[in-house]
Protein backbone atom coordinates (compact mmCIF):
# COMPACT_ATOMS: atom_id res chain seq x y z
CA UNK A 1 0.15 -0.08 0.17
CA UNK A 2 1.15 3.41 -0.65
CA UNK A 3 1.83 5.73 1.72
CA UNK A 4 -0.97 7.95 0.72
CA UNK A 5 -3.55 5.34 0.73
CA UNK A 6 -2.41 4.56 4.57
CA UNK A 7 -3.11 8.24 5.21
CA UNK A 8 -6.31 8.55 4.18
CA UNK A 9 -7.71 5.50 5.18
CA UNK A 10 -11.39 5.68 7.08
CA UNK A 11 -13.03 2.46 8.75
CA UNK A 12 -16.84 2.74 8.54
CA UNK A 13 -18.33 2.52 12.05
CA UNK A 14 -22.21 3.00 10.36
CA UNK A 15 -23.36 3.92 6.92
CA UNK A 16 -22.97 8.00 7.72
CA UNK A 17 -19.65 7.98 9.80
CA UNK A 18 -15.96 6.90 9.35
CA UNK A 19 -12.95 6.85 11.71
CA UNK A 20 -9.74 7.50 10.48
CA UNK A 21 -6.34 9.19 11.29
CA UNK A 22 -4.72 13.17 10.23
CA UNK A 23 -1.33 12.20 9.63
CA UNK A 24 1.80 14.13 10.08
CA UNK A 25 3.38 12.84 6.50
CA UNK A 26 1.98 16.05 4.77
CA UNK A 27 2.19 19.01 6.28
CA UNK A 28 3.42 22.46 5.67
CA UNK A 29 5.75 24.01 8.38
CA UNK A 30 4.02 21.44 10.78
CA UNK A 31 0.01 21.90 9.50
CA UNK A 32 -1.67 19.37 7.92
CA UNK A 33 -1.87 20.30 3.87
CA UNK A 34 -5.62 21.63 2.95
CA UNK A 35 -5.48 19.00 -0.13
CA UNK A 36 -4.27 15.99 1.49
CA UNK A 37 -7.12 17.19 4.12
CA UNK A 38 -9.85 17.32 1.14
CA UNK A 39 -8.54 13.82 0.15
CA UNK A 40 -9.52 12.29 3.45
CA UNK A 41 -13.25 14.00 2.90
CA UNK A 42 -13.50 13.11 -0.76
CA UNK A 43 -12.76 9.48 0.19
CA UNK A 44 -15.16 9.30 2.61
CA UNK A 45 -17.67 11.00 -0.20
CA UNK A 46 -16.51 8.40 -2.88
CA UNK A 47 -17.08 5.41 -0.44
CA UNK A 48 -20.97 7.09 0.34
CA UNK A 49 -21.62 8.45 -3.30
CA UNK A 50 -23.55 6.23 -5.36
CA UNK A 51 -21.80 8.11 -8.69
CA UNK A 52 -18.33 8.78 -9.10
CA UNK A 53 -17.66 10.59 -12.06
CA UNK A 54 -16.30 14.10 -12.75
CA UNK A 55 -16.29 15.41 -8.70
CA UNK A 56 -16.54 19.05 -8.12
CA UNK A 57 -15.55 18.84 -4.35
CA UNK A 58 -15.91 22.91 -2.39
CA UNK A 59 -14.52 22.87 0.84
CA UNK A 60 -14.61 25.13 3.87
CA UNK A 61 -11.98 25.28 6.35
CA UNK A 62 -13.27 26.01 10.06
CA UNK A 63 -10.74 25.57 12.31
CA UNK A 64 -6.71 24.51 11.91
CA UNK A 65 -6.45 20.28 12.14
CA UNK A 66 -3.83 18.29 13.65
CA UNK A 67 -2.35 15.30 13.67
CA UNK A 68 -4.03 12.57 15.16
CA UNK A 69 -7.90 10.86 15.41
CA UNK A 70 -10.30 12.02 13.48
CA UNK A 71 -14.66 11.06 12.38
CA UNK A 72 -16.22 11.71 9.15
CA UNK A 73 -19.63 12.29 9.09
CA UNK A 74 -21.60 11.81 5.74
CA UNK A 75 -25.09 13.21 4.58
CA UNK A 76 -26.09 12.71 1.36
CA UNK A 77 -27.93 16.32 0.48
CA UNK A 78 -30.03 15.03 -2.62
CA UNK A 79 -29.65 12.52 -5.69
CA UNK A 80 -31.12 13.33 -9.12
CA UNK A 81 -30.70 11.00 -12.32
CA UNK A 82 -27.54 12.99 -13.43
CA UNK A 83 -26.13 14.06 -9.95
CA UNK A 84 -25.35 12.83 -6.30
CA UNK A 85 -24.73 15.60 -3.99
CA UNK A 86 -23.30 15.01 -0.45
CA UNK A 87 -21.66 16.79 2.47
CA UNK A 88 -19.07 15.75 4.58
CA UNK A 89 -17.78 17.28 8.00
CA UNK A 90 -14.55 16.20 9.55
CA UNK A 91 -14.00 16.65 13.30
CA UNK A 92 -11.74 16.82 16.03
CA UNK A 93 -11.69 16.74 19.94
CA UNK A 94 -15.26 16.77 19.45
CA UNK A 95 -15.01 20.30 16.95
CA UNK A 96 -15.65 20.28 13.77
CA UNK A 97 -13.01 21.88 11.61
CA UNK A 98 -13.56 21.19 7.95
CA UNK A 99 -16.94 20.89 5.81
CA UNK A 100 -16.88 19.55 2.72
CA UNK A 101 -19.69 19.36 -0.53
CA UNK A 102 -19.40 17.08 -2.78
CA UNK A 103 -21.28 17.09 -6.25
CA UNK A 104 -20.89 13.53 -8.59
CA UNK A 105 -22.00 12.68 -11.86
CA UNK A 106 -22.82 9.41 -13.77
CA UNK A 107 -19.91 7.59 -15.33
CA UNK A 108 -22.29 6.67 -18.48
CA UNK A 109 -23.50 10.54 -18.75
CA UNK A 110 -22.89 11.42 -22.50
CA UNK A 111 -20.78 13.83 -23.48
CA UNK A 112 -21.34 16.09 -26.12
CA UNK A 113 -19.01 18.71 -26.12
CA UNK A 114 -15.41 18.58 -25.31
CA UNK A 115 -13.65 21.53 -26.51
CA UNK A 116 -11.13 23.91 -24.97
CA UNK A 117 -10.39 27.71 -25.09
CA UNK A 118 -7.19 27.62 -23.78
CA UNK A 119 -4.39 24.80 -23.73
CA UNK A 120 -1.65 23.57 -21.46
CA UNK A 121 0.50 26.08 -19.64
CA UNK A 122 4.29 26.29 -21.51
CA UNK A 123 6.62 24.55 -18.78
CA UNK A 124 9.99 23.58 -19.05
CA UNK A 125 10.76 20.20 -19.68
CA UNK A 126 10.50 18.25 -15.98
CA UNK A 127 13.97 17.43 -15.61
CA UNK A 128 14.79 21.20 -16.80
CA UNK A 129 13.08 22.77 -14.00
CA UNK A 130 14.06 23.42 -10.16
CA UNK A 131 12.84 20.73 -7.60
CA UNK A 132 11.71 21.88 -4.10
CA UNK A 133 14.00 20.88 -1.52
CA UNK A 134 13.00 18.58 1.12
CA UNK A 135 12.36 20.79 4.60
CA UNK A 136 12.21 20.29 8.41
CA UNK A 137 8.47 20.37 9.24
CA UNK A 138 7.28 19.97 5.54
CA UNK A 139 6.66 16.89 5.23
CA UNK A 140 4.41 17.36 1.83
CA UNK A 141 7.90 17.47 0.18
CA UNK A 142 9.00 14.62 1.20
CA UNK A 143 6.01 12.84 -0.52
CA UNK A 144 5.77 15.19 -3.78
CA UNK A 145 8.19 15.45 -6.54
CA UNK A 146 7.29 19.08 -7.14
CA UNK A 147 9.64 20.94 -9.85
CA UNK A 148 9.08 24.65 -10.92
CA UNK A 149 9.75 26.14 -14.12
CA UNK A 150 12.74 28.54 -13.97
CA UNK A 151 11.11 31.70 -14.78
CA UNK A 152 9.17 31.31 -11.93
CA UNK A 153 11.71 31.02 -9.16
CA UNK A 154 13.36 34.68 -8.82
CA UNK A 155 11.41 34.59 -5.22
CA UNK A 156 13.78 32.18 -4.29
CA UNK A 157 16.47 34.83 -4.67
CA UNK A 158 14.16 37.71 -3.74
CA UNK A 159 13.69 38.73 -7.36
CA UNK A 160 9.90 38.75 -7.68
CA UNK A 161 7.32 39.40 -11.08
CA UNK A 162 5.20 41.37 -11.91
CA UNK A 163 2.65 39.37 -12.02
CA UNK A 164 1.88 36.02 -9.49
CA UNK A 165 1.84 32.77 -12.09
CA UNK A 166 3.60 29.66 -10.95
CA UNK A 167 4.41 26.78 -13.22
CA UNK A 168 5.48 23.28 -12.74
CA UNK A 169 5.22 19.28 -12.37
CA UNK A 170 4.33 17.23 -9.98
CA UNK A 171 4.27 13.49 -9.39
CA UNK A 172 4.32 11.08 -6.11
CA UNK A 173 7.51 10.19 -5.23
CA UNK A 174 6.93 6.37 -4.51
CA UNK A 175 5.58 6.32 -7.82
CA UNK A 176 1.72 6.26 -7.03
CA UNK A 177 -0.64 6.91 -10.21
CA UNK A 178 -3.46 9.93 -9.64
CA UNK A 179 -6.85 8.87 -8.87
CA UNK A 180 -9.47 11.60 -7.46
CA UNK A 181 -8.38 12.17 -3.74
CA UNK A 182 -4.42 12.24 -5.46
CA UNK A 183 -5.52 14.95 -7.80
CA UNK A 184 -7.15 17.24 -4.74
CA UNK A 185 -3.66 16.85 -3.09
CA UNK A 186 -2.14 17.92 -6.18
CA UNK A 187 -4.11 21.05 -6.68
CA UNK A 188 -3.27 22.04 -3.49
CA UNK A 189 0.83 20.96 -3.03
CA UNK A 190 2.40 23.95 -4.63
CA UNK A 191 3.24 27.24 -2.74
CA UNK A 192 1.24 30.24 -3.01
CA UNK A 193 1.87 31.50 -6.56
CA UNK A 194 1.72 35.19 -4.39
CA UNK A 195 5.30 34.15 -3.79
CA UNK A 196 6.55 34.83 -7.50
CA UNK A 197 4.83 38.38 -6.86
CA UNK A 198 5.15 39.53 -3.14
CA UNK A 199 7.60 37.14 -1.69
CA UNK A 200 7.27 35.20 1.20
CA UNK A 201 5.44 37.43 3.11
CA UNK A 202 3.22 36.10 5.21
CA UNK A 203 1.53 32.43 5.86
CA UNK A 204 -1.52 31.95 3.20
CA UNK A 205 -3.76 29.73 5.04
CA UNK A 206 -6.81 28.70 3.14
CA UNK A 207 -9.94 29.71 3.66
CA UNK A 208 -12.21 27.94 1.18
CA UNK A 209 -11.13 25.75 -1.97
CA UNK A 210 -13.43 24.25 -4.92
CA UNK A 211 -11.45 21.58 -7.30
CA UNK A 212 -13.59 20.06 -10.33
CA UNK A 213 -11.75 16.91 -11.45
CA UNK A 214 -12.46 16.68 -15.64
CA UNK A 215 -10.26 13.49 -16.58
CA UNK A 216 -8.20 11.00 -14.75
CA UNK A 217 -4.51 11.52 -16.27
CA UNK A 218 -3.20 9.08 -18.41
CA UNK A 219 0.56 9.76 -17.41
CA UNK A 220 2.99 9.84 -14.51
CA UNK A 221 3.40 13.49 -13.95
CA UNK A 222 0.47 16.44 -13.85
CA UNK A 223 1.67 19.88 -15.35
CA UNK A 224 0.31 22.85 -13.24
CA UNK A 225 -0.40 26.32 -13.33
CA UNK A 226 -1.42 28.45 -10.54
CA UNK A 227 -2.19 32.36 -11.02
CA UNK A 228 -3.44 35.36 -8.24
CA UNK A 229 -4.86 38.54 -9.36
CA UNK A 230 -6.47 40.15 -6.69
CA UNK A 231 -5.43 40.97 -3.26
CA UNK A 232 -8.11 42.83 -1.20
CA UNK A 233 -8.21 43.34 2.50
CA UNK A 234 -5.60 40.62 3.16
CA UNK A 235 -7.85 37.85 1.22
CA UNK A 236 -6.68 36.50 -2.15
CA UNK A 237 -7.89 33.81 -4.39
CA UNK A 238 -6.32 31.44 -6.82
CA UNK A 239 -6.92 30.01 -10.11
CA UNK A 240 -5.45 26.60 -11.06
CA UNK A 241 -5.26 24.00 -14.21
CA UNK A 242 -3.56 20.85 -13.75
CA UNK A 243 -3.06 19.16 -17.29
CA UNK A 244 -1.61 15.85 -17.81
CA UNK A 245 1.77 15.13 -20.30
CA UNK A 246 -0.61 14.55 -23.07
CA UNK A 247 -2.30 18.19 -22.58
CA UNK A 248 -5.49 16.85 -21.48
CA UNK A 249 -7.33 18.80 -18.72
CA UNK A 250 -7.26 17.05 -15.49
CA UNK A 251 -9.00 19.46 -13.07
CA UNK A 252 -9.62 23.20 -12.38
CA UNK A 253 -9.42 24.50 -8.78
CA UNK A 254 -9.83 28.11 -6.93
CA UNK A 255 -8.87 28.73 -3.84
CA UNK A 256 -9.70 31.85 -1.47
CA UNK A 257 -6.91 32.41 1.29
C-alpha cells in the first residue's frame, strides 16, 4: 500500500460515519496540508456516493486541523438521475474542523462537447525545472516531487515578478498514480503563486477551496499552473489548472486564502 492510501484510510462505523487519522506526513510547517485534508473527506464522499464521475468538491476550512484521530460524517443532500450531492464533516476532539460538499455525476452520462478554449501551460521539461527541496516540518515535500519552471523561481532569491504566476510539474515520489483523492492533493501542493510577485511575506492559510476533476490523467506527471490576480483586504484568490503530459485537462481549482 502506498503511504498516501494508508494516510487517507477510513474505517466505516455506520453507513454515515467513518473513523481515521490525520497524518503528519503531508504537512506544511507542521500544519496538515489542505489538499490532503480534502482528499480524506473526498475518500469518504466516494465511499458514500452512488456516482463517482467528474467530482466537484468545495471545502470550507473552519478550524486548523492537527495530526491525530479524526471522525468523518457524511450526509446526502440530494440524488437525481444525473447527480449525487453529499456533504462531509471532519471533526477532531469534538469540534468540526472542515466541511466539504461533493457533487458526483453518472459515469455513463453522455459528453457531447469536448472543447478547450485554452491549452496546457508552457513549462520547461521536468528535468530542466527546479525541484522543491525537502525541508524540516514540510513533510509534504518529502512525499511529492514538485519541480518549478525556472521562470517562476526568482522569489527564492528575492527577484519578484509583476504577475503572480507559478508553473511546474508534480508526481508522487513513490510512483503512486493519480486518482481523484490524489488530484485534490496535487491541486493544493504547490507554494502559493502570490510568492512569485510578493515574496514569502506571510503564511497563506486556505479559507475555502473548490476543485473540479474533469479527467483522470494517463501519465505519471501532472503539469500545473496557478495564478493570483487580486489581493484585497488580506484576501486573495488562486486559480489553478492541472493537465497531464498528453495535454488533457485533469482539474481546475479556485482557492480563497
